[in-house]
Amino acid sequence: MIGAGAREHALVLALANDLAVTALACAPGNAGTAALAEQLAVDVTHPDAIAKLATSWSADLVVVGPELPLVAGAADAVRAAGIACFGPSAGAARIEGSKAFAKDVMTAAGVPTARSELVDNPGRLDAALNHFGPPWVVKDDRLAAGKGVVVTEDLEVARVHALTLLDDGHPVLLESYLDGPEISLFCLVDANATVVPLLPAQDFKRVGDGDAGPNTGGMGAYAPLRWAPESLTAVGRQIVAPVVAELARRGVPFTGLLYAGLALTTAGPQVIEFNCRFGDPETQVVLALLRTPLAGLLMATAIGALAQQPPLQWDSGAAVVVVLAAEGYPGTPRIGDVITGAEGPGVLHAGTRRRDDGVVVSAGGRVLSVIGTGADLAAAREHAYQRVQQVRLPGGHYRSDIGLPATRRENGRFVAR
């Protein structure tokens, strides 16, 4: 397992519970994964280092969690070393690495998405902004850890964000606004273009209750979406399958997890973006409800055998994850604070490390993912927030409304872009 976040902790936990797994390592991991897997050191930005590590450890399968190593070519290097890998090639990972590339693929595949315009010159910005909004949607074309998007009714705010990106040499994608609830749909995709949708989830991007404040990497999520159309997985196949076919046509077939961020608009589902890996924090709730052993699914995806897998089995209940973030996040987070009460079930580590004296301290912006499950969403929320209150992190903060809109049947009200 490559990565160090709560997503990777969730994946490691699911893999550790799979009887088919005889040995498990995580690189570089965190204070939580250390209890479940051998910890290995690696620079995730260097694909050859990942492949060398997997070879020396005699891995049968490498699972790449974050987008950065995938876009850099980690899966290519691992496969070149003769090891099965769950994750797309660098060419296919451009579906997340470049939003402009993703738009081009979607257009060619006939997939519904927002109207857009790429701006790479500040001199063209004002004229381009006049073609959109309000509200204005301004996106960094490159990887931005979920924080490169601004959605605003204020033209000047949109302009300043765009100019900041352009001044840093980042092209900017302007988009028309897609109204309606947003959902995350993960699909396993193998080299034979077999598409297997997982349980849809909904995440909460903005830092504060009621979707106040700036975007983050994600402050919480829940699943399942009982209010969403029953045909959602079919919609996923109708949207994801054409994109998979188009990538193959371009000579960059996709293998791994293709994540479709969808807006359920009045005109029907439309794609907000594609990601090339499991999402965080949605993975935490999806895997909490998955009953099918994970290792076999990931290996089948890696070797092109998804069509031979039996139908997925899911828990009938619900799951909620609440992210506990460090003081200062999503700006510069304070690190080094002692964490207590996080031992035991229901807590996944992200930005944590264990000091030489054995004490676990914060080491990043999103510090912990706290999970609750229950027979329904209300019970899962109660369980999650009871567990959050048992954890102590000086200056830590979290949202109190994760999943609340759905329990109130206000499904589109608190949905953040």
Protein backbone atom coordinates (compact mmCIF):
# COMPACT_ATOMS: atom_id res chain seq x y z
CA MET A 1 0.00 0.00 0.00
CA ILE A 2 1.45 3.33 -1.11
CA GLY A 3 0.32 6.40 0.83
CA ALA A 4 -0.01 7.92 4.28
CA GLY A 5 -3.56 9.22 4.74
CA ALA A 6 -6.83 8.05 6.27
CA ARG A 7 -7.80 6.65 2.86
CA GLU A 8 -4.74 4.41 3.00
CA HIS A 9 -5.49 3.45 6.61
CA ALA A 10 -9.00 2.43 5.52
CA LEU A 11 -7.60 0.37 2.65
CA VAL A 12 -4.97 -1.23 4.88
CA LEU A 13 -7.64 -2.13 7.45
CA ALA A 14 -9.81 -3.77 4.79
CA LEU A 15 -6.83 -5.65 3.35
CA ALA A 16 -5.71 -6.77 6.81
CA ASN A 17 -9.18 -8.26 7.37
CA ASP A 18 -8.98 -10.26 4.12
CA LEU A 19 -7.94 -13.85 4.82
CA ALA A 20 -6.28 -14.04 1.40
CA VAL A 21 -3.62 -11.52 2.49
CA THR A 22 -0.58 -13.21 4.02
CA ALA A 23 1.69 -10.16 4.30
CA LEU A 24 0.97 -6.44 4.19
CA ALA A 25 3.17 -3.35 4.09
CA CYS A 26 2.42 0.35 3.87
CA ALA A 27 4.81 3.00 2.59
CA PRO A 28 5.29 5.46 4.11
CA GLY A 29 2.17 4.95 6.28
CA ASN A 30 1.24 6.72 9.51
CA ALA A 31 0.76 6.02 13.21
CA GLY A 32 -2.45 4.11 12.46
CA THR A 33 -1.27 1.86 9.64
CA ALA A 34 1.73 0.87 11.76
CA ALA A 35 -0.56 -1.28 13.89
CA LEU A 36 -1.72 -3.28 10.87
CA ALA A 37 1.12 -3.39 8.36
CA GLU A 38 4.87 -3.35 8.11
CA GLN A 39 5.99 0.25 7.66
CA LEU A 40 8.40 0.95 4.81
CA ALA A 41 10.13 4.19 3.86
CA VAL A 42 9.70 5.55 0.34
CA ASP A 43 9.50 8.86 -1.51
CA VAL A 44 6.09 8.55 -3.17
CA THR A 45 7.04 11.15 -5.80
CA HIS A 46 9.66 8.80 -7.29
CA PRO A 47 8.08 5.95 -9.30
CA ASP A 48 11.33 4.00 -9.63
CA ALA A 49 11.79 4.06 -5.86
CA ILE A 50 8.30 2.60 -5.41
CA ALA A 51 9.00 -0.15 -7.95
CA LYS A 52 12.36 -0.94 -6.34
CA LEU A 53 10.75 -1.16 -2.91
CA ALA A 54 7.97 -3.44 -4.17
CA THR A 55 10.54 -5.70 -5.82
CA SER A 56 12.74 -5.94 -2.73
CA TRP A 57 9.69 -6.72 -0.58
CA SER A 58 8.52 -9.40 -3.09
CA ALA A 59 5.06 -7.87 -3.38
CA ASP A 60 2.37 -9.68 -5.37
CA LEU A 61 0.26 -6.54 -5.65
CA VAL A 62 0.94 -2.82 -5.21
CA VAL A 63 -2.00 -0.53 -4.43
CA VAL A 64 -1.29 3.16 -5.04
CA GLY A 65 -3.49 5.42 -2.93
CA PRO A 66 -2.69 9.09 -3.73
CA GLU A 67 -2.97 10.83 -7.08
CA LEU A 68 0.51 12.37 -7.08
CA PRO A 69 2.48 9.12 -7.56
CA LEU A 70 -0.06 7.90 -10.12
CA VAL A 71 0.27 11.04 -12.23
CA ALA A 72 4.06 10.73 -11.88
CA GLY A 73 3.99 7.18 -13.30
CA ALA A 74 4.20 4.89 -10.25
CA ALA A 75 1.93 2.26 -11.78
CA ASP A 76 3.99 2.19 -14.99
CA ALA A 77 7.19 1.61 -13.02
CA VAL A 78 5.66 -1.14 -10.89
CA ARG A 79 4.24 -2.98 -13.90
CA ALA A 80 7.56 -2.64 -15.72
CA ALA A 81 9.11 -4.46 -12.76
CA GLY A 82 6.72 -7.37 -13.36
CA ILE A 83 4.42 -6.71 -10.39
CA ALA A 84 0.64 -6.33 -10.56
CA CYS A 85 -0.51 -2.82 -9.72
CA PHE A 86 -3.86 -1.32 -8.78
CA GLY A 87 -3.74 2.11 -10.35
CA PRO A 88 -3.71 3.73 -13.80
CA SER A 89 -0.72 4.56 -15.95
CA ALA A 90 0.57 8.14 -16.01
CA GLY A 91 -1.16 8.62 -19.36
CA ALA A 92 -4.54 7.49 -18.02
CA ALA A 93 -4.05 9.38 -14.74
CA ARG A 94 -4.12 12.62 -16.72
CA ILE A 95 -7.91 12.32 -16.33
CA GLU A 96 -7.20 13.86 -12.91
CA GLY A 97 -3.81 15.46 -13.54
CA SER A 98 -5.22 17.88 -16.13
CA LYS A 99 -8.79 19.12 -15.96
CA ALA A 100 -8.48 20.39 -19.53
CA PHE A 101 -7.50 16.88 -20.68
CA ALA A 102 -10.47 15.44 -18.79
CA LYS A 103 -12.82 17.91 -20.50
CA ASP A 104 -11.43 16.94 -23.88
CA VAL A 105 -11.96 13.25 -23.12
CA MET A 106 -15.52 13.86 -21.89
CA THR A 107 -16.37 15.90 -24.97
CA ALA A 108 -15.05 13.18 -27.27
CA ALA A 109 -16.94 10.52 -25.28
CA GLY A 110 -20.21 12.48 -25.35
CA VAL A 111 -20.41 12.64 -21.55
CA PRO A 112 -22.52 15.46 -20.07
CA THR A 113 -20.43 18.03 -18.22
CA ALA A 114 -20.25 21.77 -17.55
CA ARG A 115 -19.35 24.20 -20.31
CA SER A 116 -15.74 25.29 -19.81
CA GLU A 117 -12.92 27.48 -21.08
CA LEU A 118 -9.18 27.10 -20.42
CA VAL A 119 -7.28 30.31 -19.74
CA ASP A 120 -3.47 30.33 -19.75
CA ASN A 121 -2.90 34.06 -20.28
CA PRO A 122 -3.89 36.76 -17.74
CA GLY A 123 -4.69 39.06 -20.64
CA ARG A 124 -7.58 36.78 -21.65
CA LEU A 125 -9.00 36.36 -18.17
CA ASP A 126 -11.50 39.22 -17.96
CA ALA A 127 -13.06 38.42 -21.32
CA ALA A 128 -13.33 34.75 -20.35
CA LEU A 129 -14.92 35.55 -16.98
CA ASN A 130 -17.59 37.52 -18.82
CA HIS A 131 -18.64 34.28 -20.53
CA PHE A 132 -19.60 32.73 -17.16
CA GLY A 133 -21.32 33.30 -13.82
CA PRO A 134 -22.59 34.18 -11.46
CA PRO A 135 -21.77 31.99 -9.69
CA TRP A 136 -18.25 31.67 -11.10
CA VAL A 137 -16.42 28.34 -10.95
CA VAL A 138 -12.63 28.71 -11.15
CA LYS A 139 -10.40 25.63 -11.09
CA ASP A 140 -6.68 25.02 -11.07
CA ASP A 141 -6.03 22.84 -14.13
CA ARG A 142 -3.44 20.80 -12.22
CA LEU A 143 -3.50 18.69 -9.08
CA ALA A 144 -4.50 20.78 -6.07
CA ALA A 145 -5.32 18.26 -3.31
CA GLY A 146 -9.02 19.16 -3.54
CA LYS A 147 -8.39 22.82 -2.71
CA GLY A 148 -7.85 24.42 -6.13
CA VAL A 149 -11.51 25.29 -6.76
CA VAL A 150 -13.36 28.49 -5.96
CA VAL A 151 -17.12 28.82 -6.43
CA THR A 152 -18.30 32.37 -5.79
CA GLU A 153 -20.99 34.93 -6.53
CA ASP A 154 -18.30 37.65 -6.33
CA LEU A 155 -16.59 38.38 -9.64
CA GLU A 156 -13.57 39.95 -7.94
CA VAL A 157 -13.03 36.88 -5.76
CA ALA A 158 -13.11 34.70 -8.88
CA ARG A 159 -10.71 37.04 -10.66
CA VAL A 160 -8.20 37.17 -7.80
CA HIS A 161 -8.17 33.37 -7.47
CA ALA A 162 -7.64 32.96 -11.21
CA LEU A 163 -4.85 35.56 -11.31
CA THR A 164 -3.12 33.91 -8.36
CA LEU A 165 -3.06 30.60 -10.20
CA LEU A 166 -1.98 32.19 -13.48
CA ASP A 167 0.80 34.13 -11.78
CA ASP A 168 2.10 30.81 -10.43
CA GLY A 169 2.15 29.42 -13.96
CA HIS A 170 -1.00 27.31 -13.55
CA PRO A 171 -3.59 27.35 -16.36
CA VAL A 172 -7.12 28.07 -15.13
CA LEU A 173 -10.32 26.28 -16.11
CA LEU A 174 -13.51 28.36 -15.96
CA GLU A 175 -16.76 26.42 -15.86
CA SER A 176 -20.48 27.02 -15.87
CA TYR A 177 -22.09 26.26 -12.51
CA LEU A 178 -23.82 22.90 -12.09
CA ASP A 179 -26.67 23.16 -9.62
CA GLY A 180 -27.96 20.21 -7.64
CA PRO A 181 -26.66 17.65 -5.12
CA GLU A 182 -23.16 16.32 -5.71
CA ILE A 183 -22.17 12.69 -5.29
CA SER A 184 -19.01 10.63 -5.54
CA LEU A 185 -19.22 7.40 -7.53
CA PHE A 186 -16.22 5.06 -7.47
CA CYS A 187 -15.87 2.47 -10.24
CA LEU A 188 -13.39 -0.37 -10.45
CA VAL A 189 -12.09 -0.59 -14.02
CA ASP A 190 -9.83 -3.29 -15.43
CA ALA A 191 -7.80 -3.52 -18.64
CA ASN A 192 -10.68 -5.27 -20.40
CA ALA A 193 -12.86 -2.20 -19.78
CA THR A 194 -15.03 -4.01 -17.23
CA VAL A 195 -16.66 -1.39 -15.00
CA VAL A 196 -17.92 -2.29 -11.49
CA PRO A 197 -19.51 0.63 -9.59
CA LEU A 198 -19.14 0.78 -5.82
CA LEU A 199 -21.61 2.32 -3.39
CA PRO A 200 -22.10 6.05 -4.09
CA ALA A 201 -21.21 8.50 -1.30
CA GLN A 202 -21.49 12.21 -0.64
CA ASP A 203 -18.69 14.32 0.83
CA PHE A 204 -18.57 17.76 2.43
CA LYS A 205 -15.78 19.92 1.01
CA ARG A 206 -16.02 23.24 2.82
CA VAL A 207 -14.45 23.70 6.21
CA GLY A 208 -17.46 24.92 8.21
CA ASP A 209 -21.01 23.92 9.03
CA GLY A 210 -23.57 24.84 6.42
CA ASP A 211 -20.80 24.87 3.80
CA ALA A 212 -19.16 27.99 5.20
CA GLY A 213 -15.56 28.89 4.48
CA PRO A 214 -13.02 27.68 1.94
CA ASN A 215 -12.75 24.31 0.25
CA THR A 216 -10.72 21.57 1.91
CA GLY A 217 -9.63 18.08 0.96
CA GLY A 218 -12.91 16.91 2.52
CA MET A 219 -14.33 17.28 6.03
CA GLY A 220 -16.60 14.24 6.07
CA ALA A 221 -18.82 11.91 4.07
CA TYR A 222 -21.66 9.42 4.34
CA ALA A 223 -23.12 6.46 2.49
CA PRO A 224 -25.42 5.12 1.17
CA LEU A 225 -27.44 7.82 -0.58
CA ARG A 226 -30.96 6.53 -0.09
CA TRP A 227 -32.39 9.70 -1.62
CA ALA A 228 -30.47 9.32 -4.89
CA PRO A 229 -31.98 7.69 -7.99
CA GLU A 230 -32.06 3.91 -7.84
CA SER A 231 -30.56 3.85 -11.33
CA LEU A 232 -27.43 5.66 -10.14
CA THR A 233 -25.09 2.73 -10.75
CA ALA A 234 -26.51 2.37 -14.25
CA VAL A 235 -25.91 6.09 -14.77
CA GLY A 236 -22.35 5.51 -13.60
CA ARG A 237 -21.84 2.87 -16.25
CA GLN A 238 -23.34 5.17 -18.89
CA ILE A 239 -20.93 7.94 -17.90
CA VAL A 240 -17.82 5.99 -16.91
CA ALA A 241 -17.86 3.35 -19.67
CA PRO A 242 -17.67 5.89 -22.54
CA VAL A 243 -14.75 7.65 -20.83
CA VAL A 244 -12.98 4.33 -20.32
CA ALA A 245 -13.52 3.52 -24.01
CA GLU A 246 -12.21 6.93 -25.09
CA LEU A 247 -9.06 6.58 -22.98
CA ALA A 248 -8.43 3.16 -24.54
CA ARG A 249 -8.96 4.65 -28.00
CA ARG A 250 -6.25 7.20 -27.20
CA GLY A 251 -3.83 4.43 -26.25
CA VAL A 252 -4.01 5.00 -22.48
CA PRO A 253 -6.38 2.31 -21.15
CA PHE A 254 -7.47 2.87 -17.55
CA THR A 255 -6.88 0.27 -14.84
CA GLY A 256 -7.74 0.95 -11.21
CA LEU A 257 -10.32 3.19 -9.55
CA LEU A 258 -12.05 5.81 -11.69
CA TYR A 259 -13.88 8.30 -9.48
CA ALA A 260 -16.68 10.32 -11.05
CA GLY A 261 -17.76 13.45 -9.22
CA LEU A 262 -21.35 13.98 -10.39
CA ALA A 263 -23.89 16.78 -10.03
CA LEU A 264 -27.49 15.59 -10.10
CA THR A 265 -28.87 18.57 -12.01
CA THR A 266 -32.43 19.16 -13.20
CA ALA A 267 -31.16 18.20 -16.66
CA GLY A 268 -29.80 14.90 -15.36
CA PRO A 269 -26.42 13.76 -13.98
CA GLN A 270 -23.41 15.73 -15.21
CA VAL A 271 -19.73 15.24 -14.48
CA ILE A 272 -17.98 17.80 -12.31
CA GLU A 273 -14.62 16.04 -12.48
CA PHE A 274 -12.89 12.68 -12.70
CA ASN A 275 -10.24 11.44 -10.30
CA CYS A 276 -7.89 8.53 -10.88
CA ARG A 277 -7.97 6.99 -7.38
CA PHE A 278 -10.07 6.35 -4.30
CA GLY A 279 -11.40 9.58 -2.81
CA ASP A 280 -10.76 10.75 0.73
CA PRO A 281 -12.90 10.79 2.91
CA GLU A 282 -15.51 8.87 0.87
CA THR A 283 -13.37 5.72 0.81
CA GLN A 284 -13.65 5.48 4.57
CA VAL A 285 -17.45 5.06 4.48
CA VAL A 286 -17.62 2.97 1.31
CA LEU A 287 -15.16 0.40 2.69
CA ALA A 288 -16.92 0.43 6.06
CA LEU A 289 -19.99 -0.98 4.28
CA LEU A 290 -18.24 -3.35 1.83
CA ARG A 291 -18.56 -7.01 2.81
CA THR A 292 -16.81 -8.50 -0.24
CA PRO A 293 -13.12 -9.18 0.59
CA LEU A 294 -11.10 -6.30 -0.82
CA ALA A 295 -7.81 -7.91 -1.83
CA GLY A 296 -9.40 -10.19 -4.41
CA LEU A 297 -11.25 -7.26 -5.95
CA LEU A 298 -8.12 -5.14 -6.26
CA MET A 299 -6.08 -8.02 -7.69
CA ALA A 300 -8.84 -8.89 -10.17
CA THR A 301 -8.85 -5.26 -11.28
CA ALA A 302 -5.08 -5.23 -11.67
CA ILE A 303 -4.93 -8.41 -13.78
CA GLY A 304 -8.06 -7.86 -15.90
CA ALA A 305 -10.34 -10.41 -14.21
CA LEU A 306 -13.17 -8.24 -12.87
CA ALA A 307 -15.75 -9.95 -15.07
CA GLN A 308 -15.11 -13.23 -13.22
CA GLN A 309 -15.87 -11.70 -9.79
CA PRO A 310 -19.24 -12.38 -8.10
CA PRO A 311 -21.59 -9.45 -7.37
CA LEU A 312 -20.43 -7.18 -4.57
CA GLN A 313 -21.93 -7.66 -1.11
CA TRP A 314 -22.81 -4.65 1.05
CA ASP A 315 -23.89 -4.03 4.62
CA SER A 316 -27.53 -2.93 4.79
CA GLY A 317 -26.80 -0.05 7.18
CA ALA A 318 -25.15 3.36 6.86
CA ALA A 319 -21.75 4.88 7.61
CA VAL A 320 -20.61 8.42 8.43
CA VAL A 321 -17.05 9.75 8.65
CA VAL A 322 -16.15 12.99 10.42
CA VAL A 323 -12.72 14.52 9.78
CA LEU A 324 -10.90 16.01 12.77
CA ALA A 325 -8.60 18.73 11.42
CA ALA A 326 -5.69 20.60 12.95
CA GLU A 327 -5.85 24.22 14.06
CA GLY A 328 -5.21 26.42 11.01
CA TYR A 329 -6.47 23.95 8.41
CA PRO A 330 -7.16 24.43 5.47
CA GLY A 331 -4.49 27.10 5.75
CA THR A 332 -1.18 26.29 7.43
CA PRO A 333 -1.97 23.63 10.04
CA ARG A 334 -0.37 23.52 13.45
CA ILE A 335 1.51 20.26 13.93
CA GLY A 336 3.04 18.45 16.89
CA ASP A 337 -0.03 18.49 19.15
CA VAL A 338 -0.55 15.41 21.31
CA ILE A 339 -3.56 13.26 20.35
CA THR A 340 -5.41 11.25 22.99
CA GLY A 341 -8.50 9.05 22.89
CA ALA A 342 -7.85 7.84 19.35
CA GLU A 343 -6.94 4.28 20.29
CA GLY A 344 -9.35 1.51 19.36
CA PRO A 345 -11.99 1.06 16.65
CA GLY A 346 -13.66 3.85 14.72
CA VAL A 347 -10.61 6.06 14.22
CA LEU A 348 -8.45 6.15 11.09
CA HIS A 349 -5.21 8.10 11.06
CA ALA A 350 -4.16 10.63 8.43
CA GLY A 351 -1.82 13.44 9.50
CA THR A 352 -0.26 11.65 12.47
CA ARG A 353 3.13 10.36 13.55
CA ARG A 354 4.45 8.52 16.58
CA ARG A 355 7.25 10.27 18.46
CA ASP A 356 10.29 8.40 19.75
CA ASP A 357 8.64 8.29 23.18
CA GLY A 358 5.62 6.50 21.70
CA VAL A 359 3.23 9.45 21.88
CA VAL A 360 1.05 10.08 18.80
CA VAL A 361 1.05 13.69 17.60
CA SER A 362 -0.50 15.62 14.73
CA ALA A 363 1.57 15.88 11.55
CA GLY A 364 -0.77 17.36 8.95
CA GLY A 365 -3.98 19.24 8.22
CA ARG A 366 -6.57 16.47 8.28
CA VAL A 367 -5.46 14.52 11.32
CA LEU A 368 -8.05 11.78 11.89
CA SER A 369 -11.12 10.27 10.23
CA VAL A 370 -13.69 9.15 12.79
CA ILE A 371 -16.24 6.60 11.54
CA GLY A 372 -19.65 5.63 12.82
CA THR A 373 -21.95 2.93 11.47
CA GLY A 374 -25.55 2.12 12.24
CA ALA A 375 -28.80 0.69 10.96
CA ASP A 376 -29.61 4.02 9.33
CA LEU A 377 -27.97 7.39 8.71
CA ALA A 378 -29.19 8.96 11.96
CA ALA A 379 -27.74 6.10 14.00
CA ALA A 380 -24.46 6.24 12.10
CA ARG A 381 -24.21 10.00 12.71
CA GLU A 382 -24.83 9.56 16.43
CA HIS A 383 -22.17 6.86 16.63
CA ALA A 384 -19.62 8.96 14.71
CA TYR A 385 -20.10 12.09 16.80
CA GLN A 386 -20.00 10.14 20.06
CA ARG A 387 -16.62 8.78 18.97
CA VAL A 388 -15.34 12.22 17.91
CA GLN A 389 -16.06 13.59 21.36
CA GLN A 390 -13.81 10.92 22.88
CA VAL A 391 -10.79 12.23 20.97
CA ARG A 392 -8.67 15.14 22.17
CA LEU A 393 -6.60 17.30 19.81
CA PRO A 394 -5.70 20.82 21.03
CA GLY A 395 -7.12 23.34 18.58
CA GLY A 396 -8.74 20.59 16.53
CA HIS A 397 -11.98 21.30 14.68
CA TYR A 398 -14.65 19.38 12.78
CA ARG A 399 -18.02 19.91 11.14
CA SER A 400 -21.11 19.02 13.13
CA ASP A 401 -23.44 18.59 10.14
CA ILE A 402 -21.97 15.68 8.18
CA GLY A 403 -24.92 13.77 6.73
CA LEU A 404 -27.42 16.01 8.51
CA PRO A 405 -29.07 17.42 5.35
CA ALA A 406 -29.99 13.90 4.22
CA THR A 407 -31.56 13.05 7.57
CA ARG A 408 -33.66 16.20 7.22
CA ARG A 409 -34.55 15.37 3.60
CA GLU A 410 -32.74 18.52 2.49
CA ASN A 411 -30.45 16.63 0.18
CA GLY A 412 -29.33 19.47 -2.05
CA ARG A 413 -29.03 22.22 0.52
CA PHE A 414 -25.63 21.65 2.08
CA VAL A 415 -23.79 20.13 -0.88
CA ALA A 416 -20.39 21.73 -1.42
CA ARG A 417 -18.58 21.85 -4.73
